[in-house]
Amino acid sequence: MTATWLSDGGGARQGHAQRLRSLISGGTTAAAGVYDGMSAVLAAQAGFDALYLSGAALSASKAIPDLGLLTLEEVTRSAREIVRASNLPLIVDCDTGFGEALNVMRAVRDLEEVGVACIQIEDQQFPKKCGHLNDKRVVSIDDMCRKVAAARKASDDMVLCARTDAAFISLEEAIDRAKRYADAGADLIFVEALTSHEAIQQVRREVSSPLLANMTEFGRTPSISVSDWAAYGYEVVIFPVSAFRVASKAVQSFYASLKATGSAAAFLPQMMTRAELYDTISYFEYEALDASIAETVLDSTADTLRAEDSHEQP
């Protein structure tokens, strides 16, 4: 019988940080953006080796804007669900770290406990904004370095990603910050909202640390394929909100059609069948697990009753 989350003992869900480190050292990894357990399962089944939980996607899934409104509890709950469902290394967007140094340490502890491989914190002032919007403000380099150092101190093995939004000041400022954050303990550097191929290549030339690239749609960074990011020498490429945008557009179209026609028939070809859905969520494996446990309990009870009966015979 195929193992399920309930029956594998959790042993297979250890070592995610080390798995991510191996991916980073081995070349370029595309991390699919996910926002719940089902999207995580689908990404895993598609063959992705790592996942990314975006604050923007998670906020949007709750119908709230990406303005730092998520709590650590909400992020941790979603991260736990995604790790459980996918058994893949997960990078979690923690915005500005939910506060100052001690809050960052708390985030590291909570997320490491649920099996998160990497947290990402950024140097924006709170409340933060999407990295591809205007009117961003950043904290001082020293303030951000304190957060990175605090995260490093709190972590047992977690990969730390430091994001800088300072490219709106100048590329030189962003590169300087990237180097300082690496010195403070960051393993992976994310220079947000690079606006040209030339800037992308300059960051790679001047920053020796592993780099994360953000391949979001409708933003300031040119659309670049994973193979081209690999040619530029970037180690991780995230697609943070892509799946959520596709899913939301599809659901929007379906609801409009259902309201207009009173029937779901037109969308049947676009739906997962019942069999496909059950296969995706391992329905029959869980059902078999339940049946095997019930059978074992009944056999054990019957043996006990037989033994008691034998002792009562004269």
Protein backbone atom coordinates (compact mmCIF):
# COMPACT_ATOMS: atom_id res chain seq x y z
CA MET A 1 0.00 0.00 0.00
CA THR A 2 1.30 3.45 -0.91
CA ALA A 3 2.30 5.51 2.14
CA THR A 4 0.16 8.50 3.04
CA TRP A 5 0.91 11.55 5.14
CA LEU A 6 -0.79 9.81 8.08
CA SER A 7 1.24 6.61 7.78
CA ASP A 8 4.78 7.61 6.79
CA GLY A 9 5.68 8.76 10.31
CA GLY A 10 6.90 12.13 9.08
CA GLY A 11 10.39 10.80 8.51
CA ALA A 12 10.27 11.56 4.81
CA ARG A 13 9.46 15.18 5.62
CA GLN A 14 12.75 15.96 7.29
CA GLY A 15 15.82 17.58 5.82
CA HIS A 16 14.06 20.07 3.58
CA ALA A 17 16.62 22.80 4.24
CA GLN A 18 19.45 20.48 3.22
CA ARG A 19 17.54 19.45 0.11
CA LEU A 20 17.18 23.11 -0.84
CA ARG A 21 20.86 23.76 -0.24
CA SER A 22 21.68 20.86 -2.58
CA LEU A 23 19.41 22.31 -5.26
CA ILE A 24 21.03 25.73 -4.91
CA SER A 25 24.52 24.31 -5.22
CA GLY A 26 23.53 22.10 -8.15
CA GLY A 27 22.38 24.70 -10.67
CA THR A 28 19.18 26.65 -11.31
CA THR A 29 15.91 25.60 -9.66
CA ALA A 30 12.46 26.85 -10.59
CA ALA A 31 10.28 27.18 -7.49
CA ALA A 32 6.57 27.07 -8.28
CA GLY A 33 4.42 29.60 -6.46
CA VAL A 34 1.74 27.88 -4.36
CA TYR A 35 -0.86 29.14 -1.90
CA ASP A 36 -2.56 26.06 -0.39
CA GLY A 37 -2.30 22.30 -0.10
CA MET A 38 -3.97 21.51 -3.42
CA SER A 39 -1.77 23.86 -5.44
CA ALA A 40 1.24 22.33 -3.66
CA VAL A 41 0.19 18.79 -4.60
CA LEU A 42 -0.33 19.80 -8.22
CA ALA A 43 3.09 21.47 -8.38
CA ALA A 44 4.74 18.40 -6.88
CA GLN A 45 2.98 16.11 -9.33
CA ALA A 46 4.12 18.35 -12.19
CA GLY A 47 7.71 17.61 -11.16
CA PHE A 48 8.86 20.77 -9.38
CA ASP A 49 11.66 20.28 -6.85
CA ALA A 50 10.89 23.32 -4.68
CA LEU A 51 7.96 25.60 -3.88
CA TYR A 52 7.46 29.24 -2.95
CA LEU A 53 4.74 30.65 -0.69
CA SER A 54 4.24 34.26 -1.73
CA GLY A 55 2.85 36.84 0.64
CA ALA A 56 1.08 38.39 -2.34
CA ALA A 57 -0.58 35.13 -3.36
CA LEU A 58 -1.51 34.17 0.19
CA SER A 59 -2.93 37.62 0.88
CA ALA A 60 -4.92 37.57 -2.35
CA SER A 61 -6.27 34.10 -1.54
CA LYS A 62 -7.79 35.70 1.57
CA ALA A 63 -9.08 38.67 -0.48
CA ILE A 64 -6.80 41.17 1.24
CA PRO A 65 -4.04 43.32 -0.31
CA ASP A 66 -0.34 42.59 0.01
CA LEU A 67 0.36 45.35 2.53
CA GLY A 68 1.80 43.39 5.43
CA LEU A 69 -1.62 42.40 6.79
CA LEU A 70 -0.83 38.69 7.16
CA THR A 71 0.02 37.42 10.62
CA LEU A 72 2.75 34.92 11.49
CA GLU A 73 0.05 32.49 12.60
CA GLU A 74 -1.67 32.65 9.20
CA VAL A 75 1.60 32.16 7.32
CA THR A 76 2.69 29.29 9.55
CA ARG A 77 -0.65 27.53 9.16
CA SER A 78 -0.45 27.76 5.38
CA ALA A 79 3.20 26.68 5.33
CA ARG A 80 2.40 23.63 7.44
CA GLU A 81 -0.37 22.66 5.02
CA ILE A 82 1.89 23.06 1.98
CA VAL A 83 4.81 21.10 3.45
CA ARG A 84 2.45 18.33 4.56
CA ALA A 85 0.79 18.12 1.15
CA SER A 86 3.88 18.33 -1.05
CA ASN A 87 6.85 17.02 0.95
CA LEU A 88 9.00 19.52 -0.96
CA PRO A 89 11.41 22.26 0.19
CA LEU A 90 9.37 25.41 0.72
CA ILE A 91 10.59 29.02 0.62
CA VAL A 92 8.27 31.26 2.65
CA ASP A 93 7.90 34.98 2.04
CA CYS A 94 7.88 36.59 5.50
CA ASP A 95 7.70 40.20 4.30
CA THR A 96 9.54 42.36 6.86
CA GLY A 97 9.78 39.56 9.43
CA PHE A 98 6.59 40.41 11.36
CA GLY A 99 8.43 43.04 13.39
CA GLU A 100 11.95 43.56 14.66
CA ALA A 101 14.78 41.17 15.55
CA LEU A 102 12.96 39.13 18.20
CA ASN A 103 9.89 38.81 15.96
CA VAL A 104 12.10 37.52 13.16
CA MET A 105 13.58 34.95 15.53
CA ARG A 106 10.08 33.82 16.49
CA ALA A 107 9.17 33.45 12.81
CA VAL A 108 12.25 31.32 12.19
CA ARG A 109 11.44 29.04 15.12
CA ASP A 110 7.77 28.62 14.21
CA LEU A 111 8.40 27.97 10.53
CA GLU A 112 11.35 25.67 11.10
CA GLU A 113 9.15 23.55 13.37
CA VAL A 114 6.68 22.89 10.54
CA GLY A 115 9.42 21.90 8.09
CA VAL A 116 9.96 25.09 6.08
CA ALA A 117 13.28 25.04 4.22
CA CYS A 118 13.82 28.79 3.84
CA ILE A 119 12.37 32.10 4.96
CA GLN A 120 12.67 35.32 3.00
CA ILE A 121 12.75 38.71 4.72
CA GLU A 122 13.01 42.11 3.09
CA ASP A 123 14.35 45.56 3.89
CA GLN A 124 11.21 47.61 3.29
CA GLN A 125 9.69 49.76 5.98
CA PHE A 126 6.41 48.54 7.40
CA PRO A 127 3.80 48.50 5.98
CA LYS A 128 5.53 46.97 2.99
CA LYS A 129 4.31 47.07 -0.61
CA CYS A 130 4.60 44.85 -3.65
CA GLY A 131 8.16 45.13 -4.88
CA HIS A 132 7.04 46.21 -8.34
CA LEU A 133 4.99 49.20 -7.18
CA ASN A 134 6.19 52.74 -6.57
CA ASP A 135 6.56 54.70 -3.31
CA LYS A 136 8.56 52.01 -1.51
CA ARG A 137 10.64 52.90 1.52
CA VAL A 138 13.52 50.89 2.95
CA VAL A 139 15.02 50.62 6.42
CA SER A 140 18.68 51.31 7.08
CA ILE A 141 21.27 48.72 6.13
CA ASP A 142 22.17 48.24 9.79
CA ASP A 143 18.55 47.61 10.77
CA MET A 144 18.17 44.94 8.11
CA CYS A 145 21.50 43.36 9.02
CA ARG A 146 20.30 43.02 12.60
CA LYS A 147 17.24 41.12 11.38
CA VAL A 148 19.36 38.82 9.21
CA ALA A 149 21.77 38.16 12.08
CA ALA A 150 18.85 37.47 14.41
CA ALA A 151 17.37 34.97 11.95
CA ARG A 152 20.74 33.26 11.62
CA LYS A 153 21.05 32.98 15.39
CA ALA A 154 17.58 31.48 15.78
CA SER A 155 17.92 28.97 12.94
CA ASP A 156 19.10 25.41 13.32
CA ASP A 157 19.56 24.69 9.62
CA MET A 158 17.09 26.91 7.74
CA VAL A 159 18.20 28.64 4.56
CA LEU A 160 17.92 32.44 4.92
CA CYS A 161 16.98 34.60 1.97
CA ALA A 162 17.45 38.38 2.25
CA ARG A 163 15.58 40.58 -0.18
CA THR A 164 16.47 44.18 -0.95
CA ASP A 165 14.04 46.61 -2.53
CA ALA A 166 16.66 49.35 -2.80
CA ALA A 167 17.05 49.19 -6.59
CA PHE A 168 14.58 52.09 -6.83
CA ILE A 169 17.29 54.23 -5.18
CA SER A 170 20.05 52.88 -7.42
CA LEU A 171 21.39 49.56 -8.56
CA GLU A 172 24.62 50.32 -6.72
CA GLU A 173 22.70 50.78 -3.46
CA ALA A 174 20.93 47.46 -3.96
CA ILE A 175 24.19 45.63 -4.70
CA ASP A 176 25.87 47.15 -1.64
CA ARG A 177 22.98 46.01 0.53
CA ALA A 178 23.05 42.54 -1.00
CA LYS A 179 26.70 42.13 -0.03
CA ARG A 180 26.10 43.41 3.49
CA TYR A 181 23.16 41.07 4.03
CA ALA A 182 25.27 38.12 2.90
CA ASP A 183 27.96 39.13 5.38
CA ALA A 184 25.29 39.25 8.11
CA GLY A 185 24.35 35.62 7.46
CA ALA A 186 22.01 35.41 4.46
CA ASP A 187 22.50 32.30 2.30
CA LEU A 188 20.44 33.49 -0.67
CA ILE A 189 20.08 37.05 -2.01
CA PHE A 190 17.02 38.48 -3.74
CA VAL A 191 17.43 41.85 -5.49
CA GLU A 192 13.86 42.82 -6.30
CA ALA A 193 12.45 44.65 -9.34
CA LEU A 194 15.45 44.54 -11.68
CA THR A 195 14.35 46.34 -14.81
CA SER A 196 16.77 45.22 -17.52
CA HIS A 197 18.94 42.34 -18.67
CA GLU A 198 21.96 44.55 -18.08
CA ALA A 199 21.03 45.10 -14.43
CA ILE A 200 20.39 41.40 -13.95
CA GLN A 201 23.84 40.58 -15.27
CA GLN A 202 25.51 43.31 -13.22
CA VAL A 203 24.04 41.93 -10.00
CA ARG A 204 25.39 38.50 -10.90
CA ARG A 205 28.86 39.88 -11.60
CA GLU A 206 29.10 41.83 -8.37
CA VAL A 207 27.30 39.59 -5.86
CA SER A 208 29.06 36.31 -5.14
CA SER A 209 26.23 34.77 -3.09
CA PRO A 210 23.55 32.53 -4.60
CA LEU A 211 20.81 34.65 -6.16
CA LEU A 212 17.03 34.38 -6.34
CA ALA A 213 15.15 35.85 -9.31
CA ASN A 214 11.51 36.92 -9.23
CA MET A 215 9.66 36.05 -12.42
CA THR A 216 6.35 37.73 -11.64
CA GLU A 217 3.96 38.83 -14.35
CA PHE A 218 2.91 42.42 -15.04
CA GLY A 219 5.91 43.79 -13.15
CA ARG A 220 9.09 45.71 -13.86
CA THR A 221 11.35 42.75 -14.61
CA PRO A 222 11.42 41.53 -18.22
CA SER A 223 9.86 38.14 -18.93
CA ILE A 224 12.78 35.69 -18.91
CA SER A 225 12.71 31.90 -19.17
CA VAL A 226 14.25 29.63 -16.55
CA SER A 227 16.90 28.55 -19.03
CA ASP A 228 17.92 32.17 -19.58
CA TRP A 229 18.05 32.82 -15.82
CA ALA A 230 20.31 29.77 -15.64
CA ALA A 231 22.52 31.24 -18.33
CA TYR A 232 22.74 34.42 -16.26
CA GLY A 233 23.86 32.31 -13.28
CA TYR A 234 20.89 32.69 -10.92
CA GLU A 235 20.29 29.75 -8.61
CA VAL A 236 16.55 30.04 -7.84
CA VAL A 237 13.72 31.40 -10.01
CA ILE A 238 10.33 31.93 -8.38
CA PHE A 239 6.93 32.27 -10.07
CA PRO A 240 5.14 33.64 -7.02
CA VAL A 241 1.58 34.48 -8.11
CA SER A 242 1.29 32.81 -11.52
CA ALA A 243 -0.79 29.80 -10.47
CA PHE A 244 -3.07 31.91 -8.30
CA ARG A 245 -3.72 34.32 -11.18
CA VAL A 246 -4.54 31.45 -13.55
CA ALA A 247 -6.82 29.74 -11.02
CA SER A 248 -8.62 32.95 -10.09
CA LYS A 249 -9.24 33.86 -13.74
CA ALA A 250 -10.66 30.39 -14.40
CA VAL A 251 -12.97 30.51 -11.37
CA GLN A 252 -14.10 34.02 -12.28
CA SER A 253 -15.06 32.82 -15.76
CA PHE A 254 -16.87 29.80 -14.37
CA TYR A 255 -18.93 31.78 -11.87
CA ALA A 256 -19.93 34.26 -14.56
CA SER A 257 -21.04 31.42 -16.82
CA LEU A 258 -22.90 29.61 -14.05
CA LYS A 259 -24.78 32.76 -13.08
CA ALA A 260 -25.67 33.56 -16.68
CA THR A 261 -26.73 30.07 -17.79
CA GLY A 262 -27.73 28.33 -14.57
CA SER A 263 -25.63 25.32 -15.56
CA ALA A 264 -22.04 24.12 -15.15
CA ALA A 265 -22.22 22.00 -18.30
CA ALA A 266 -20.14 24.35 -20.46
CA PHE A 267 -17.19 23.99 -18.10
CA LEU A 268 -17.22 20.21 -17.70
CA PRO A 269 -14.31 19.74 -20.18
CA GLN A 270 -12.21 22.11 -18.05
CA MET A 271 -12.92 20.33 -14.75
CA MET A 272 -11.02 17.55 -13.05
CA THR A 273 -13.18 14.44 -13.14
CA ARG A 274 -14.04 12.77 -9.86
CA ALA A 275 -11.46 10.08 -10.61
CA GLU A 276 -8.76 12.66 -11.37
CA LEU A 277 -9.51 14.59 -8.17
CA TYR A 278 -9.45 11.45 -6.01
CA ASP A 279 -6.18 10.37 -7.60
CA THR A 280 -4.63 13.79 -6.97
CA ILE A 281 -5.47 13.80 -3.26
CA SER A 282 -4.69 10.06 -2.78
CA TYR A 283 -8.26 9.32 -1.75
CA PHE A 284 -8.03 5.56 -2.24
CA GLU A 285 -4.71 5.29 -0.39
CA TYR A 286 -6.31 6.92 2.66
CA GLU A 287 -9.36 4.67 2.29
CA ALA A 288 -7.11 1.60 2.17
CA LEU A 289 -5.24 2.80 5.25
CA ASP A 290 -8.51 3.19 7.13
CA ALA A 291 -9.66 -0.29 6.10
CA SER A 292 -6.36 -1.91 7.11
CA ILE A 293 -6.45 -0.34 10.56
CA ALA A 294 -10.09 -1.30 11.12
CA GLU A 295 -9.34 -4.88 10.12
CA THR A 296 -6.39 -5.08 12.50
CA VAL A 297 -8.46 -3.79 15.44
CA LEU A 298 -11.26 -6.29 14.80
CA ASP A 299 -8.86 -9.24 14.60
CA SER A 300 -7.14 -8.18 17.82
CA THR A 301 -10.46 -7.83 19.64
CA ALA A 302 -11.63 -11.22 18.48
CA ASP A 303 -8.41 -12.87 19.69
CA THR A 304 -8.79 -11.23 23.11
CA LEU A 305 -12.38 -12.45 23.48
CA ARG A 306 -11.41 -15.99 22.51
CA ALA A 307 -8.64 -15.98 25.07
CA GLU A 308 -11.01 -14.80 27.82
CA ASP A 309 -13.57 -17.45 26.90
CA SER A 310 -10.95 -20.19 27.18
CA HIS A 311 -10.08 -19.12 30.76
CA GLU A 312 -13.76 -19.32 31.81
CA GLN A 313 -14.17 -22.96 30.77
CA PRO A 314 -14.26 -25.46 33.66
